Amino acid sequence: MFKFNFNFNFEIINNQTFKFMKARKILVGIGMILFSYLAFIACNNEDNYENKDSELKKGKYEKMDSFFGAKIGVLKNKEVQVVVTKDDILKFAKEALKDTKLDLKPFDYKIIEEKGVKYLRIYSQNNYVSTVELLEDKNNSLKVANTVCTSTACASGGGCIPNGSYCTACEYSNGLPGDCTRTTSG
């Protein structure tokens, strides 16, 4: 008749399984070390990116007393380093622009560059954007100029930026004149 031989060497399977499990533990350990190292590097790079200037990192901001003529930044290696707080910039911008009768409520700002000229762009509620030139002095300080141009029609560009004591033209997409409002100090 039929005879089955069930002699199986479990010792071989157990030895191979043991080697596989040991190799898997080593690979998982190496993976965890590599992941920890990459996470550490990523966190350190993010801190350096957000806080390039160590003095500003420690909260050593300069005091701002007014908007027009105020020093708000310095150029270091062709990069703008803001030296006053966001709250001060927005507070003094609101005060300086109160005569526009637009009831501006600034909530954010950005420093932009257009055709080699640096500008401070202030974003207010109701889609108003105010733009003022930043003048560089001999010490690489950036100071707020005397003319601010405010618009909703040209909020994303295309005009209503300071040009000396005046603002460049602003037009709606249909060619009609835009809503550029000029505020000048001094």
C-alpha atoms as a PDB file:
ATOM      1  CA  MET A   1       0.000   0.000   0.000  1.00  0.00           C
ATOM      2  CA  PHE A   2       0.843   3.636   0.308  1.00  0.00           C
ATOM      3  CA  LYS A   3       3.329   4.751   2.846  1.00  0.00           C
ATOM      4  CA  PHE A   4       3.929   8.401   3.642  1.00  0.00           C
ATOM      5  CA  ASN A   5       7.101   9.640   5.190  1.00  0.00           C
ATOM      6  CA  PHE A   6       6.470  12.601   7.449  1.00  0.00           C
ATOM      7  CA  ASN A   7       9.981  12.991   8.666  1.00  0.00           C
ATOM      8  CA  PHE A   8      10.612  16.669   8.362  1.00  0.00           C
ATOM      9  CA  ASN A   9      13.611  18.452   9.714  1.00  0.00           C
ATOM     10  CA  PHE A  10      12.198  21.319  11.846  1.00  0.00           C
ATOM     11  CA  GLU A  11      15.699  22.206  12.905  1.00  0.00           C
ATOM     12  CA  ILE A  12      16.478  23.611   9.433  1.00  0.00           C
ATOM     13  CA  ILE A  13      13.302  25.787   9.398  1.00  0.00           C
ATOM     14  CA  ASN A  14      13.903  27.072  12.910  1.00  0.00           C
ATOM     15  CA  ASN A  15      17.514  27.979  12.080  1.00  0.00           C
ATOM     16  CA  GLN A  16      16.464  29.832   8.880  1.00  0.00           C
ATOM     17  CA  THR A  17      13.608  31.600  10.657  1.00  0.00           C
ATOM     18  CA  PHE A  18      15.970  32.665  13.430  1.00  0.00           C
ATOM     19  CA  LYS A  19      18.427  34.139  10.906  1.00  0.00           C
ATOM     20  CA  PHE A  20      15.594  35.979   9.121  1.00  0.00           C
ATOM     21  CA  MET A  21      14.218  37.403  12.375  1.00  0.00           C
ATOM     22  CA  LYS A  22      17.674  38.564  13.446  1.00  0.00           C
ATOM     23  CA  ALA A  23      18.282  40.276  10.087  1.00  0.00           C
ATOM     24  CA  ARG A  24      14.844  41.932  10.264  1.00  0.00           C
ATOM     25  CA  LYS A  25      15.560  43.327  13.751  1.00  0.00           C
ATOM     26  CA  ILE A  26      18.867  44.769  12.542  1.00  0.00           C
ATOM     27  CA  LEU A  27      17.214  46.397   9.511  1.00  0.00           C
ATOM     28  CA  VAL A  28      14.414  47.878  11.650  1.00  0.00           C
ATOM     29  CA  GLY A  29      17.016  49.243  14.087  1.00  0.00           C
ATOM     30  CA  ILE A  30      19.024  50.848  11.287  1.00  0.00           C
ATOM     31  CA  GLY A  31      15.807  52.310   9.831  1.00  0.00           C
ATOM     32  CA  MET A  32      14.838  53.852  13.176  1.00  0.00           C
ATOM     33  CA  ILE A  33      18.293  55.388  13.638  1.00  0.00           C
ATOM     34  CA  LEU A  34      18.202  56.813  10.105  1.00  0.00           C
ATOM     35  CA  PHE A  35      14.670  58.207  10.614  1.00  0.00           C
ATOM     36  CA  SER A  36      15.668  59.831  13.926  1.00  0.00           C
ATOM     37  CA  TYR A  37      18.719  61.402  12.327  1.00  0.00           C
ATOM     38  CA  LEU A  38      16.700  62.802   9.401  1.00  0.00           C
ATOM     39  CA  ALA A  39      14.021  64.184  11.745  1.00  0.00           C
ATOM     40  CA  PHE A  40      16.713  65.883  13.851  1.00  0.00           C
ATOM     41  CA  ILE A  41      18.332  67.455  10.769  1.00  0.00           C
ATOM     42  CA  ALA A  42      14.960  68.622   9.387  1.00  0.00           C
ATOM     43  CA  CYS A  43      13.972  70.284  12.663  1.00  0.00           C
ATOM     44  CA  ASN A  44      17.294  72.099  12.950  1.00  0.00           C
ATOM     45  CA  ASN A  45      17.100  73.353   9.349  1.00  0.00           C
ATOM     46  CA  GLU A  46      13.562  74.678   9.910  1.00  0.00           C
ATOM     47  CA  ASP A  47      14.678  76.677  12.965  1.00  0.00           C
ATOM     48  CA  ASN A  48      17.560  78.203  11.003  1.00  0.00           C
ATOM     49  CA  TYR A  49      15.288  79.092   8.099  1.00  0.00           C
ATOM     50  CA  GLU A  50      12.699  80.854  10.245  1.00  0.00           C
ATOM     51  CA  ASN A  51      15.172  82.722  12.456  1.00  0.00           C
ATOM     52  CA  LYS A  52      18.135  83.783  10.370  1.00  0.00           C
ATOM     53  CA  ASP A  53      19.186  86.581  12.692  1.00  0.00           C
ATOM     54  CA  SER A  54      20.139  85.407  16.185  1.00  0.00           C
ATOM     55  CA  GLU A  55      19.409  88.776  17.815  1.00  0.00           C
ATOM     56  CA  LEU A  56      15.876  88.837  16.414  1.00  0.00           C
ATOM     57  CA  LYS A  57      15.463  85.259  17.567  1.00  0.00           C
ATOM     58  CA  LYS A  58      16.070  86.472  21.119  1.00  0.00           C
ATOM     59  CA  GLY A  59      13.421  89.196  20.772  1.00  0.00           C
ATOM     60  CA  LYS A  60      15.741  92.186  20.416  1.00  0.00           C
ATOM     61  CA  TYR A  61      13.493  94.209  18.153  1.00  0.00           C
ATOM     62  CA  GLU A  62      13.881  97.922  17.665  1.00  0.00           C
ATOM     63  CA  LYS A  63      11.204 100.303  18.854  1.00  0.00           C
ATOM     64  CA  MET A  64       8.965 101.900  16.252  1.00  0.00           C
ATOM     65  CA  ASP A  65       7.520 105.358  17.050  1.00  0.00           C
ATOM     66  CA  SER A  66       5.822 106.244  13.756  1.00  0.00           C
ATOM     67  CA  PHE A  67       5.264 104.860  10.289  1.00  0.00           C
ATOM     68  CA  PHE A  68       6.779 107.310   7.812  1.00  0.00           C
ATOM     69  CA  GLY A  69      10.572 107.418   8.022  1.00  0.00           C
ATOM     70  CA  ALA A  70      10.693 104.447  10.405  1.00  0.00           C
ATOM     71  CA  LYS A  71      13.474 101.908  10.104  1.00  0.00           C
ATOM     72  CA  ILE A  72      11.824  98.533   9.653  1.00  0.00           C
ATOM     73  CA  GLY A  73      14.663  96.412   8.345  1.00  0.00           C
ATOM     74  CA  VAL A  74      18.270  96.012   7.305  1.00  0.00           C
ATOM     75  CA  LEU A  75      19.863  94.361   4.313  1.00  0.00           C
ATOM     76  CA  LYS A  76      22.224  91.518   5.184  1.00  0.00           C
ATOM     77  CA  ASN A  77      23.717  89.583   2.280  1.00  0.00           C
ATOM     78  CA  LYS A  78      21.026  91.052  -0.003  1.00  0.00           C
ATOM     79  CA  GLU A  79      18.260  89.657   2.235  1.00  0.00           C
ATOM     80  CA  VAL A  80      15.854  91.812   4.231  1.00  0.00           C
ATOM     81  CA  GLN A  81      15.940  91.288   7.984  1.00  0.00           C
ATOM     82  CA  VAL A  82      12.916  92.894   9.662  1.00  0.00           C
ATOM     83  CA  VAL A  83      13.949  94.652  12.894  1.00  0.00           C
ATOM     84  CA  VAL A  84      10.520  95.668  14.252  1.00  0.00           C
ATOM     85  CA  THR A  85       7.537  93.578  15.267  1.00  0.00           C
ATOM     86  CA  LYS A  86       4.636  92.769  12.985  1.00  0.00           C
ATOM     87  CA  ASP A  87       2.278  94.339  15.518  1.00  0.00           C
ATOM     88  CA  ASP A  88       4.182  97.649  15.405  1.00  0.00           C
ATOM     89  CA  ILE A  89       4.234  97.722  11.603  1.00  0.00           C
ATOM     90  CA  LEU A  90       0.476  97.116  11.399  1.00  0.00           C
ATOM     91  CA  LYS A  91      -0.401  99.495  14.260  1.00  0.00           C
ATOM     92  CA  PHE A  92       1.592 102.427  12.870  1.00  0.00           C
ATOM     93  CA  ALA A  93       0.449 101.734   9.291  1.00  0.00           C
ATOM     94  CA  LYS A  94      -3.184 101.896  10.432  1.00  0.00           C
ATOM     95  CA  GLU A  95      -2.517 105.168  12.233  1.00  0.00           C
ATOM     96  CA  ALA A  96      -0.713 106.668   9.212  1.00  0.00           C
ATOM     97  CA  LEU A  97      -3.479 105.642   6.819  1.00  0.00           C
ATOM     98  CA  LYS A  98      -6.460 106.780   8.917  1.00  0.00           C
ATOM     99  CA  ASP A  99      -6.815 109.941   6.799  1.00  0.00           C
ATOM    100  CA  THR A 100      -7.731 107.885   3.707  1.00  0.00           C
ATOM    101  CA  LYS A 101     -11.300 107.528   5.052  1.00  0.00           C
ATOM    102  CA  LEU A 102     -11.182 103.904   3.885  1.00  0.00           C
ATOM    103  CA  ASP A 103     -11.373 102.508   7.439  1.00  0.00           C
ATOM    104  CA  LEU A 104      -8.355 100.280   6.826  1.00  0.00           C
ATOM    105  CA  LYS A 105      -7.775  97.413   9.227  1.00  0.00           C
ATOM    106  CA  PRO A 106      -4.339  95.941   8.441  1.00  0.00           C
ATOM    107  CA  PHE A 107      -3.829  92.268   9.256  1.00  0.00           C
ATOM    108  CA  ASP A 108      -0.598  91.308   7.477  1.00  0.00           C
ATOM    109  CA  TYR A 109       2.386  92.630   5.545  1.00  0.00           C
ATOM    110  CA  LYS A 110       4.975  91.443   3.075  1.00  0.00           C
ATOM    111  CA  ILE A 111       8.171  92.909   1.663  1.00  0.00           C
ATOM    112  CA  ILE A 112       8.283  92.667  -2.115  1.00  0.00           C
ATOM    113  CA  GLU A 113      10.712  93.727  -4.805  1.00  0.00           C
ATOM    114  CA  GLU A 114       9.671  95.044  -8.192  1.00  0.00           C
ATOM    115  CA  LYS A 115      12.157  96.204 -10.817  1.00  0.00           C
ATOM    116  CA  GLY A 116      14.929  96.369  -8.218  1.00  0.00           C
ATOM    117  CA  VAL A 117      12.907  98.513  -5.779  1.00  0.00           C
ATOM    118  CA  LYS A 118      11.835  97.141  -2.381  1.00  0.00           C
ATOM    119  CA  TYR A 119       8.319  97.854  -1.112  1.00  0.00           C
ATOM    120  CA  LEU A 120       6.392  97.200   2.071  1.00  0.00           C
ATOM    121  CA  ARG A 121       2.966  95.868   1.135  1.00  0.00           C
ATOM    122  CA  ILE A 122       0.263  96.072   3.831  1.00  0.00           C
ATOM    123  CA  TYR A 123      -2.829  93.848   3.526  1.00  0.00           C
ATOM    124  CA  SER A 124      -6.068  95.121   5.069  1.00  0.00           C
ATOM    125  CA  GLN A 125      -9.590  93.789   5.386  1.00  0.00           C
ATOM    126  CA  ASN A 126     -11.979  94.294   2.464  1.00  0.00           C
ATOM    127  CA  ASN A 127      -9.169  93.423   0.002  1.00  0.00           C
ATOM    128  CA  TYR A 128      -7.315  96.738   0.354  1.00  0.00           C
ATOM    129  CA  VAL A 129      -3.580  96.649  -0.278  1.00  0.00           C
ATOM    130  CA  SER A 130      -1.311  99.577   0.590  1.00  0.00           C
ATOM    131  CA  THR A 131       2.201  99.797  -0.846  1.00  0.00           C
ATOM    132  CA  VAL A 132       5.052 102.047   0.290  1.00  0.00           C
ATOM    133  CA  GLU A 133       8.627 102.172  -0.954  1.00  0.00           C
ATOM    134  CA  LEU A 134      11.467 101.147   1.367  1.00  0.00           C
ATOM    135  CA  LEU A 135      14.452 103.469   1.040  1.00  0.00           C
ATOM    136  CA  GLU A 136      17.939 102.088   1.716  1.00  0.00           C
ATOM    137  CA  ASP A 137      20.403 104.358   3.520  1.00  0.00           C
ATOM    138  CA  LYS A 138      24.206 104.159   3.644  1.00  0.00           C
ATOM    139  CA  ASN A 139      24.057 101.774   6.635  1.00  0.00           C
ATOM    140  CA  ASN A 140      21.903  99.267   4.692  1.00  0.00           C
ATOM    141  CA  SER A 141      18.863 100.233   6.790  1.00  0.00           C
ATOM    142  CA  LEU A 142      15.453 100.141   5.114  1.00  0.00           C
ATOM    143  CA  LYS A 143      13.163 103.035   6.005  1.00  0.00           C
ATOM    144  CA  VAL A 144       9.539 103.697   5.099  1.00  0.00           C
ATOM    145  CA  ALA A 145       9.212 106.420   2.428  1.00  0.00           C
ATOM    146  CA  ASN A 146       6.602 109.218   2.521  1.00  0.00           C
ATOM    147  CA  THR A 147       4.049 108.047  -0.067  1.00  0.00           C
ATOM    148  CA  VAL A 148       1.609 105.158   0.354  1.00  0.00           C
ATOM    149  CA  CYS A 149      -0.630 103.947  -2.474  1.00  0.00           C
ATOM    150  CA  THR A 150      -3.798 101.995  -1.557  1.00  0.00           C
ATOM    151  CA  SER A 151      -6.095 100.051  -3.899  1.00  0.00           C
ATOM    152  CA  THR A 152      -8.413  97.074  -4.262  1.00  0.00           C
ATOM    153  CA  ALA A 153      -8.450  97.002  -8.080  1.00  0.00           C
ATOM    154  CA  CYS A 154      -4.657  96.753  -8.280  1.00  0.00           C
ATOM    155  CA  ALA A 155      -4.204  94.711  -5.122  1.00  0.00           C
ATOM    156  CA  SER A 156      -2.546  91.863  -7.015  1.00  0.00           C
ATOM    157  CA  GLY A 157      -0.285  94.122  -9.065  1.00  0.00           C
ATOM    158  CA  GLY A 158      -0.502  96.164 -12.207  1.00  0.00           C
ATOM    159  CA  GLY A 159      -0.191  99.614 -10.723  1.00  0.00           C
ATOM    160  CA  CYS A 160      -0.889 101.778  -7.717  1.00  0.00           C
ATOM    161  CA  ILE A 161       2.661 101.658  -6.423  1.00  0.00           C
ATOM    162  CA  PRO A 162       4.684 104.666  -5.263  1.00  0.00           C
ATOM    163  CA  ASN A 163       6.658 106.591  -7.842  1.00  0.00           C
ATOM    164  CA  GLY A 164       8.293 109.390  -5.873  1.00  0.00           C
ATOM    165  CA  SER A 165       5.493 111.469  -4.313  1.00  0.00           C
ATOM    166  CA  TYR A 166       2.857 109.996  -6.639  1.00  0.00           C
ATOM    167  CA  CYS A 167       1.307 106.615  -7.417  1.00  0.00           C
ATOM    168  CA  THR A 168       1.481 104.797 -10.726  1.00  0.00           C
ATOM    169  CA  ALA A 169      -1.771 104.446 -12.662  1.00  0.00           C
ATOM    170  CA  CYS A 170      -4.141 101.645 -11.800  1.00  0.00           C
ATOM    171  CA  GLU A 171      -6.741 100.294 -14.211  1.00  0.00           C
ATOM    172  CA  TYR A 172      -9.438  97.675 -13.947  1.00  0.00           C
ATOM    173  CA  SER A 173      -9.216  94.788 -16.420  1.00  0.00           C
ATOM    174  CA  ASN A 174     -11.838  96.547 -18.616  1.00  0.00           C
ATOM    175  CA  GLY A 175      -9.536  99.587 -19.007  1.00  0.00           C
ATOM    176  CA  LEU A 176     -11.448 101.938 -16.671  1.00  0.00           C
ATOM    177  CA  PRO A 177      -9.424 103.904 -14.098  1.00  0.00           C
ATOM    178  CA  GLY A 178      -8.867 102.054 -10.829  1.00  0.00           C
ATOM    179  CA  ASP A 179      -9.273 103.115  -7.233  1.00  0.00           C
ATOM    180  CA  CYS A 180      -5.754 104.150  -6.275  1.00  0.00           C
ATOM    181  CA  THR A 181      -5.635 106.395  -3.177  1.00  0.00           C
ATOM    182  CA  ARG A 182      -2.445 108.275  -2.319  1.00  0.00           C
ATOM    183  CA  THR A 183      -1.340 109.198   1.203  1.00  0.00           C
ATOM    184  CA  THR A 184       1.734 111.408   1.552  1.00  0.00           C
ATOM    185  CA  SER A 185       3.502 112.612   4.666  1.00  0.00           C
ATOM    186  CA  GLY A 186       5.640 115.728   4.896  1.00  0.00           C
END
